[in-house]
Protein backbone atom coordinates (compact mmCIF):
# COMPACT_ATOMS: atom_id res chain seq x y z
CA MET A 1 0.00 0.00 0.00
CA LYS A 2 1.52 3.30 -1.11
CA VAL A 3 1.36 6.04 1.54
CA THR A 4 2.84 9.47 2.21
CA LEU A 5 5.80 10.08 4.49
CA THR A 6 3.59 11.88 7.01
CA THR A 7 1.55 8.72 7.58
CA LEU A 8 4.70 6.85 8.61
CA LEU A 9 6.17 9.71 10.63
CA GLU A 10 3.01 10.01 12.69
CA LYS A 11 3.19 6.30 13.49
CA ALA A 12 6.85 6.60 14.45
CA GLU A 13 6.15 9.57 16.71
CA LYS A 14 3.38 7.69 18.49
CA GLU A 15 5.60 4.65 19.02
CA ASN A 16 8.84 6.56 19.76
CA SER A 17 10.50 4.75 16.86
CA ALA A 18 11.92 5.67 13.46
CA VAL A 19 10.84 4.59 10.00
CA GLY A 20 13.60 3.03 7.94
CA CYS A 21 14.26 4.58 4.54
CA PHE A 22 16.18 2.32 2.17
CA THR A 23 17.85 3.10 -1.15
CA VAL A 24 16.71 0.66 -3.87
CA PRO A 25 18.83 1.28 -6.99
CA ASN A 26 17.77 -1.87 -8.84
CA MET A 27 14.92 -4.36 -9.02
CA GLU A 28 16.63 -6.97 -6.86
CA ILE A 29 17.26 -4.63 -3.93
CA LEU A 30 13.76 -3.18 -4.32
CA MET A 31 12.33 -6.70 -4.04
CA ALA A 32 14.55 -7.40 -1.04
CA ALA A 33 13.46 -4.25 0.82
CA VAL A 34 9.76 -4.89 0.28
CA ALA A 35 10.12 -8.55 1.29
CA ALA A 36 11.94 -7.50 4.47
CA ALA A 37 9.21 -5.01 5.37
CA GLU A 38 6.52 -7.62 4.80
CA GLU A 39 8.34 -10.25 6.86
CA LYS A 40 8.78 -7.77 9.72
CA GLN A 41 5.22 -6.48 9.19
CA CYS A 42 6.58 -2.96 9.39
CA PRO A 43 6.20 0.03 7.03
CA ILE A 44 9.25 1.48 5.31
CA VAL A 45 10.29 4.15 2.84
CA ILE A 46 11.95 3.17 -0.45
CA GLN A 47 14.05 5.82 -2.15
CA ILE A 48 16.50 6.75 -4.87
CA ALA A 49 18.62 9.93 -4.88
CA GLU A 50 18.75 12.26 -7.85
CA GLY A 51 22.55 11.98 -7.78
CA ARG A 52 22.24 8.24 -8.50
CA LEU A 53 19.91 8.50 -11.48
CA ALA A 54 22.76 8.16 -13.97
CA HIS A 55 23.05 4.57 -12.72
CA SER A 56 19.32 4.01 -12.07
CA PRO A 57 17.27 6.11 -14.52
CA LEU A 58 14.09 7.34 -12.89
CA HIS A 59 11.83 6.56 -15.85
CA TYR A 60 12.90 2.89 -15.54
CA LEU A 61 13.19 2.50 -11.78
CA GLY A 62 10.41 4.85 -10.65
CA PRO A 63 7.46 2.87 -12.03
CA MET A 64 8.81 -0.31 -10.43
CA MET A 65 9.09 1.44 -7.05
CA VAL A 66 5.55 2.79 -7.26
CA ARG A 67 4.10 -0.56 -8.34
CA ALA A 68 5.99 -2.39 -5.57
CA ALA A 69 4.58 -0.01 -2.97
CA GLU A 70 1.04 -0.28 -4.31
CA GLU A 71 1.15 -4.07 -4.16
CA ALA A 72 2.98 -4.40 -0.82
CA LYS A 73 1.24 -5.94 2.18
CA VAL A 74 2.51 -3.14 4.42
CA PRO A 75 2.43 0.67 4.00
CA ILE A 76 5.34 1.94 1.92
CA CYS A 77 6.29 5.49 1.00
CA VAL A 78 8.02 6.08 -2.36
CA HIS A 79 10.56 8.87 -1.97
CA LEU A 80 12.97 10.87 -4.14
CA ASP A 81 16.06 11.47 -2.01
CA HIS A 82 18.22 14.59 -2.35
CA GLY A 83 16.25 16.18 -5.14
CA LEU A 84 18.48 18.92 -6.51
CA THR A 85 16.42 20.14 -9.47
CA GLU A 86 12.75 20.86 -9.97
CA ASP A 87 12.86 18.77 -13.15
CA ALA A 88 13.76 15.58 -11.26
CA ILE A 89 11.25 16.36 -8.54
CA GLN A 90 8.53 16.99 -11.10
CA GLN A 91 9.37 13.73 -12.87
CA ALA A 92 9.14 11.78 -9.60
CA LEU A 93 5.77 13.33 -8.79
CA ASP A 94 4.46 12.60 -12.28
CA LEU A 95 5.53 8.97 -11.87
CA GLY A 96 3.50 8.70 -8.66
CA PHE A 97 6.10 9.17 -5.92
CA SER A 98 4.35 9.95 -2.64
CA SER A 99 7.25 11.96 -1.21
CA VAL A 100 10.13 14.10 -2.47
CA MET A 101 13.12 15.75 -0.88
CA TYR A 102 14.40 19.12 -1.99
CA ASP A 103 18.01 19.49 -0.90
CA GLY A 104 18.70 23.21 -0.77
CA SER A 105 21.47 22.85 1.79
CA ARG A 106 24.09 24.33 -0.53
CA ASN A 107 22.17 27.61 -0.65
CA ASP A 108 21.98 30.29 2.02
CA ILE A 109 19.03 29.92 4.36
CA ALA A 110 16.84 32.49 2.60
CA GLU A 111 17.25 30.82 -0.80
CA ASN A 112 16.86 27.37 0.74
CA ILE A 113 13.54 28.44 2.25
CA ALA A 114 12.30 30.07 -0.96
CA ARG A 115 13.16 27.13 -3.19
CA THR A 116 11.90 24.54 -0.71
CA GLN A 117 8.60 26.37 -0.36
CA ARG A 118 8.20 26.40 -4.14
CA VAL A 119 8.72 22.62 -4.22
CA THR A 120 6.23 22.22 -1.38
CA GLU A 121 3.57 24.08 -3.35
CA ILE A 122 4.16 21.79 -6.35
CA ALA A 123 4.11 18.61 -4.25
CA LYS A 124 0.86 19.58 -2.54
CA ARG A 125 -0.91 19.49 -5.89
CA TYR A 126 -0.02 15.79 -6.04
CA GLY A 127 -0.85 15.07 -2.41
CA ALA A 128 2.84 14.31 -1.83
CA THR A 129 5.00 15.14 1.17
CA VAL A 130 8.27 17.08 1.21
CA GLU A 131 11.53 16.65 3.11
CA ALA A 132 14.06 19.49 3.36
CA GLU A 133 17.64 19.77 4.62
CA ILE A 134 19.55 22.27 6.74
CA GLY A 135 23.30 21.97 7.18
CA ALA A 136 25.40 19.65 5.02
CA ILE A 137 25.43 15.89 5.39
CA GLY A 138 28.90 14.79 4.34
CA GLY A 139 30.04 11.97 2.11
CA LYS A 140 28.85 11.04 -1.36
CA GLU A 141 25.16 10.55 -2.12
CA ALA A 142 23.51 13.78 -3.16
CA THR A 143 26.13 14.34 -5.86
CA ASP A 144 29.21 12.54 -7.19
CA ASN A 145 31.42 14.77 -5.04
CA VAL A 146 32.57 13.88 -1.53
CA GLU A 147 31.11 16.66 0.61
CA THR A 148 32.14 17.97 4.01
CA VAL A 149 29.83 17.86 7.02
CA LYS A 150 28.41 21.23 8.05
CA TYR A 151 26.44 21.07 11.29
CA SER A 152 22.85 22.30 11.16
CA SER A 153 22.42 25.77 12.63
CA LEU A 154 19.94 26.12 15.47
CA ALA A 155 19.07 29.62 14.28
CA ASP A 156 18.43 28.33 10.74
CA VAL A 157 16.17 25.54 12.02
CA LYS A 158 14.15 28.07 14.02
CA ARG A 159 13.80 30.37 11.01
CA PHE A 160 12.98 27.48 8.67
CA SER A 161 10.26 26.31 11.06
CA LYS A 162 8.61 29.74 10.95
CA GLU A 163 8.88 30.41 7.23
CA CYS A 164 8.57 27.05 5.49
CA ASP A 165 5.91 24.36 5.33
CA VAL A 166 7.46 20.92 4.93
CA ASP A 167 6.79 17.48 6.40
CA ALA A 168 10.28 16.43 7.53
CA LEU A 169 13.68 18.03 8.03
CA ALA A 170 17.06 16.36 7.54
CA VAL A 171 19.73 17.65 9.92
CA ALA A 172 23.51 17.33 10.13
CA ILE A 173 24.92 16.38 13.54
CA GLY A 174 28.13 14.68 12.38
CA ASN A 175 26.44 12.05 10.24
CA ALA A 176 27.69 11.37 6.71
CA HIS A 177 26.85 9.30 3.66
CA GLY A 178 28.95 6.26 2.82
CA HIS A 179 31.50 4.46 4.99
CA TYR A 180 32.60 5.97 8.29
CA LYS A 181 36.18 5.74 9.49
CA GLY A 182 35.60 4.33 12.97
CA VAL A 183 32.47 4.94 15.03
CA PRO A 184 30.60 8.12 13.96
CA LYS A 185 30.77 11.04 16.41
CA LEU A 186 27.25 12.40 16.62
CA ASN A 187 26.50 15.64 18.46
CA MET A 188 23.58 14.51 20.62
CA GLU A 189 23.39 17.82 22.48
CA LEU A 190 22.89 19.66 19.19
CA LEU A 191 20.29 17.10 18.09
CA GLU A 192 18.31 17.67 21.28
CA GLN A 193 18.34 21.43 20.65
CA LEU A 194 17.35 21.02 16.99
CA ALA A 195 14.48 18.70 17.87
CA GLU A 196 13.13 21.19 20.36
CA ALA A 197 13.38 24.05 17.87
CA SER A 198 12.03 22.23 14.81
CA ALA A 199 8.38 22.33 13.83
CA PHE A 200 8.96 19.19 11.76
CA PRO A 201 9.97 15.57 12.43
CA LEU A 202 13.72 15.14 12.04
CA VAL A 203 15.56 12.85 9.61
CA LEU A 204 18.98 11.24 9.97
CA HIS A 205 20.89 10.58 6.75
CA GLY A 206 24.08 8.53 6.56
CA GLY A 207 22.81 5.74 8.79
CA SER A 208 25.13 2.99 7.54
CA GLY A 209 27.81 2.40 10.19
CA ILE A 210 25.99 4.04 13.09
CA THR A 211 25.65 1.68 16.06
CA ALA A 212 22.37 0.37 17.45
CA GLU A 213 22.95 2.33 20.64
CA GLN A 214 23.51 5.54 18.67
CA PHE A 215 20.38 4.91 16.61
CA ARG A 216 18.31 4.51 19.75
CA ALA A 217 19.80 7.63 21.27
CA CYS A 218 18.93 9.58 18.11
CA ILE A 219 15.38 8.20 18.17
CA GLY A 220 15.09 9.22 21.80
CA HIS A 221 16.10 12.75 20.80
CA GLY A 222 13.50 13.12 18.06
CA ILE A 223 14.78 11.38 14.92
CA ARG A 224 11.78 9.82 13.15
CA LYS A 225 13.25 8.71 9.80
CA ILE A 226 16.63 7.10 9.19
CA ASN A 227 18.18 6.68 5.74
CA ILE A 228 20.18 3.56 4.90
CA ALA A 229 21.94 2.97 1.58
CA THR A 230 25.58 1.85 1.82
CA SER A 231 25.16 -1.09 4.19
CA VAL A 232 22.33 -2.61 2.13
CA LEU A 233 24.25 -2.16 -1.13
CA ASP A 234 27.34 -3.67 0.51
CA ALA A 235 25.27 -6.63 1.70
CA TYR A 236 23.92 -7.18 -1.81
CA VAL A 237 27.42 -7.21 -3.28
CA GLU A 238 28.58 -9.56 -0.52
CA GLY A 239 25.79 -11.92 -1.52
CA LEU A 240 26.99 -11.87 -5.12
CA ARG A 241 30.54 -12.65 -4.01
CA GLU A 242 29.33 -15.48 -1.80
CA ALA A 243 27.32 -17.03 -4.65
CA ILE A 244 30.35 -17.05 -6.95
CA LYS A 245 32.60 -18.33 -4.16
CA GLU A 246 30.28 -21.27 -3.51
CA ASN A 247 29.80 -22.04 -7.18
CA PRO A 248 32.02 -20.29 -9.76
CA LEU A 249 29.70 -21.62 -12.46
CA CYS A 250 26.52 -20.27 -10.88
CA THR A 251 23.91 -18.67 -13.11
CA TYR A 252 22.70 -15.09 -13.28
CA TYR A 253 19.56 -16.05 -11.36
CA GLN A 254 21.49 -17.87 -8.64
CA VAL A 255 23.78 -14.88 -8.13
CA ASN A 256 20.84 -12.47 -7.84
CA GLU A 257 19.08 -14.79 -5.40
CA PHE A 258 22.06 -14.54 -3.05
CA GLY A 259 22.20 -10.76 -3.47
CA ARG A 260 18.52 -10.36 -2.65
CA LYS A 261 18.80 -12.63 0.37
CA TYR A 262 21.73 -10.71 1.86
CA ALA A 263 20.12 -7.32 1.16
CA LYS A 264 16.83 -8.45 2.71
CA GLU A 265 18.52 -9.56 5.92
CA GLU A 266 20.34 -6.22 6.18
CA VAL A 267 17.07 -4.30 5.80
CA LYS A 268 15.42 -6.51 8.42
CA ARG A 269 18.26 -5.89 10.88
CA HIS A 270 17.80 -2.13 10.62
CA ILE A 271 14.01 -2.31 10.84
CA THR A 272 14.43 -4.24 14.09
CA VAL A 273 16.71 -1.62 15.62
CA PHE A 274 14.63 1.33 14.46
CA ASN A 275 11.66 -0.21 16.27
CA ASN A 276 13.68 -0.60 19.49
CA LYS A 277 13.54 -4.38 19.58
CA GLU A 278 17.00 -5.91 19.21
CA VAL A 279 20.61 -4.84 18.80
CA LEU A 280 22.42 -5.02 15.48
CA ALA A 281 24.76 -8.02 15.32
């Protein structure tokens, strides 16, 4: 069942949990994420970032994502991550995405607000929800460049809350896309302040590599959506390697079966933690 992001955020707020948001750059990982959500009987968000569309064209992948959500046995939100252009956002909405992110974090706060509000007005015509970003989440996901973390400003969050009308807000507290070197150092004091100042549910990007204890601390301080990409993609590739290791003459279908299985288990592990049930192995 396809739903908006707000539907899932409201559930997460009520349960003091976070909804998992998983990047699905191909059909196999999409199938794995939906199967994991159904097995756990838990709603999720499936997403693709504009910066990854060169590898996963939206006009191919988008319809599959929408159809998968519509046919799923649990509520699923279909989300465009790190939308950088109105063209990509418009395309996602036309394809039936129920949520889009406008990433205006590279602009000054006034321009970020103005552009985000324009996207919000467009999305409302489709009944879709909008995520925004303040600060800069480091690493490599929004674009092909490795970007430096810039902590979210408390003053900017307060101003954004007064002047913009979105459904979720991604913040930077030391989190980054991709692989961390060591355990991430998250500024929990800043997160607590941002959560108190924000009029919107908060989102944590760069979840791969964060510990279960850190996830739970973030959830306790107001994070209601957590994005995972790298660890699921790594698990998929590990599955492919394992298939070839076990049988160098394995077929295309056998290889993909291993990849899906490994990706599904990785999604399930994160769903469990985000719902405060078990610790990541």
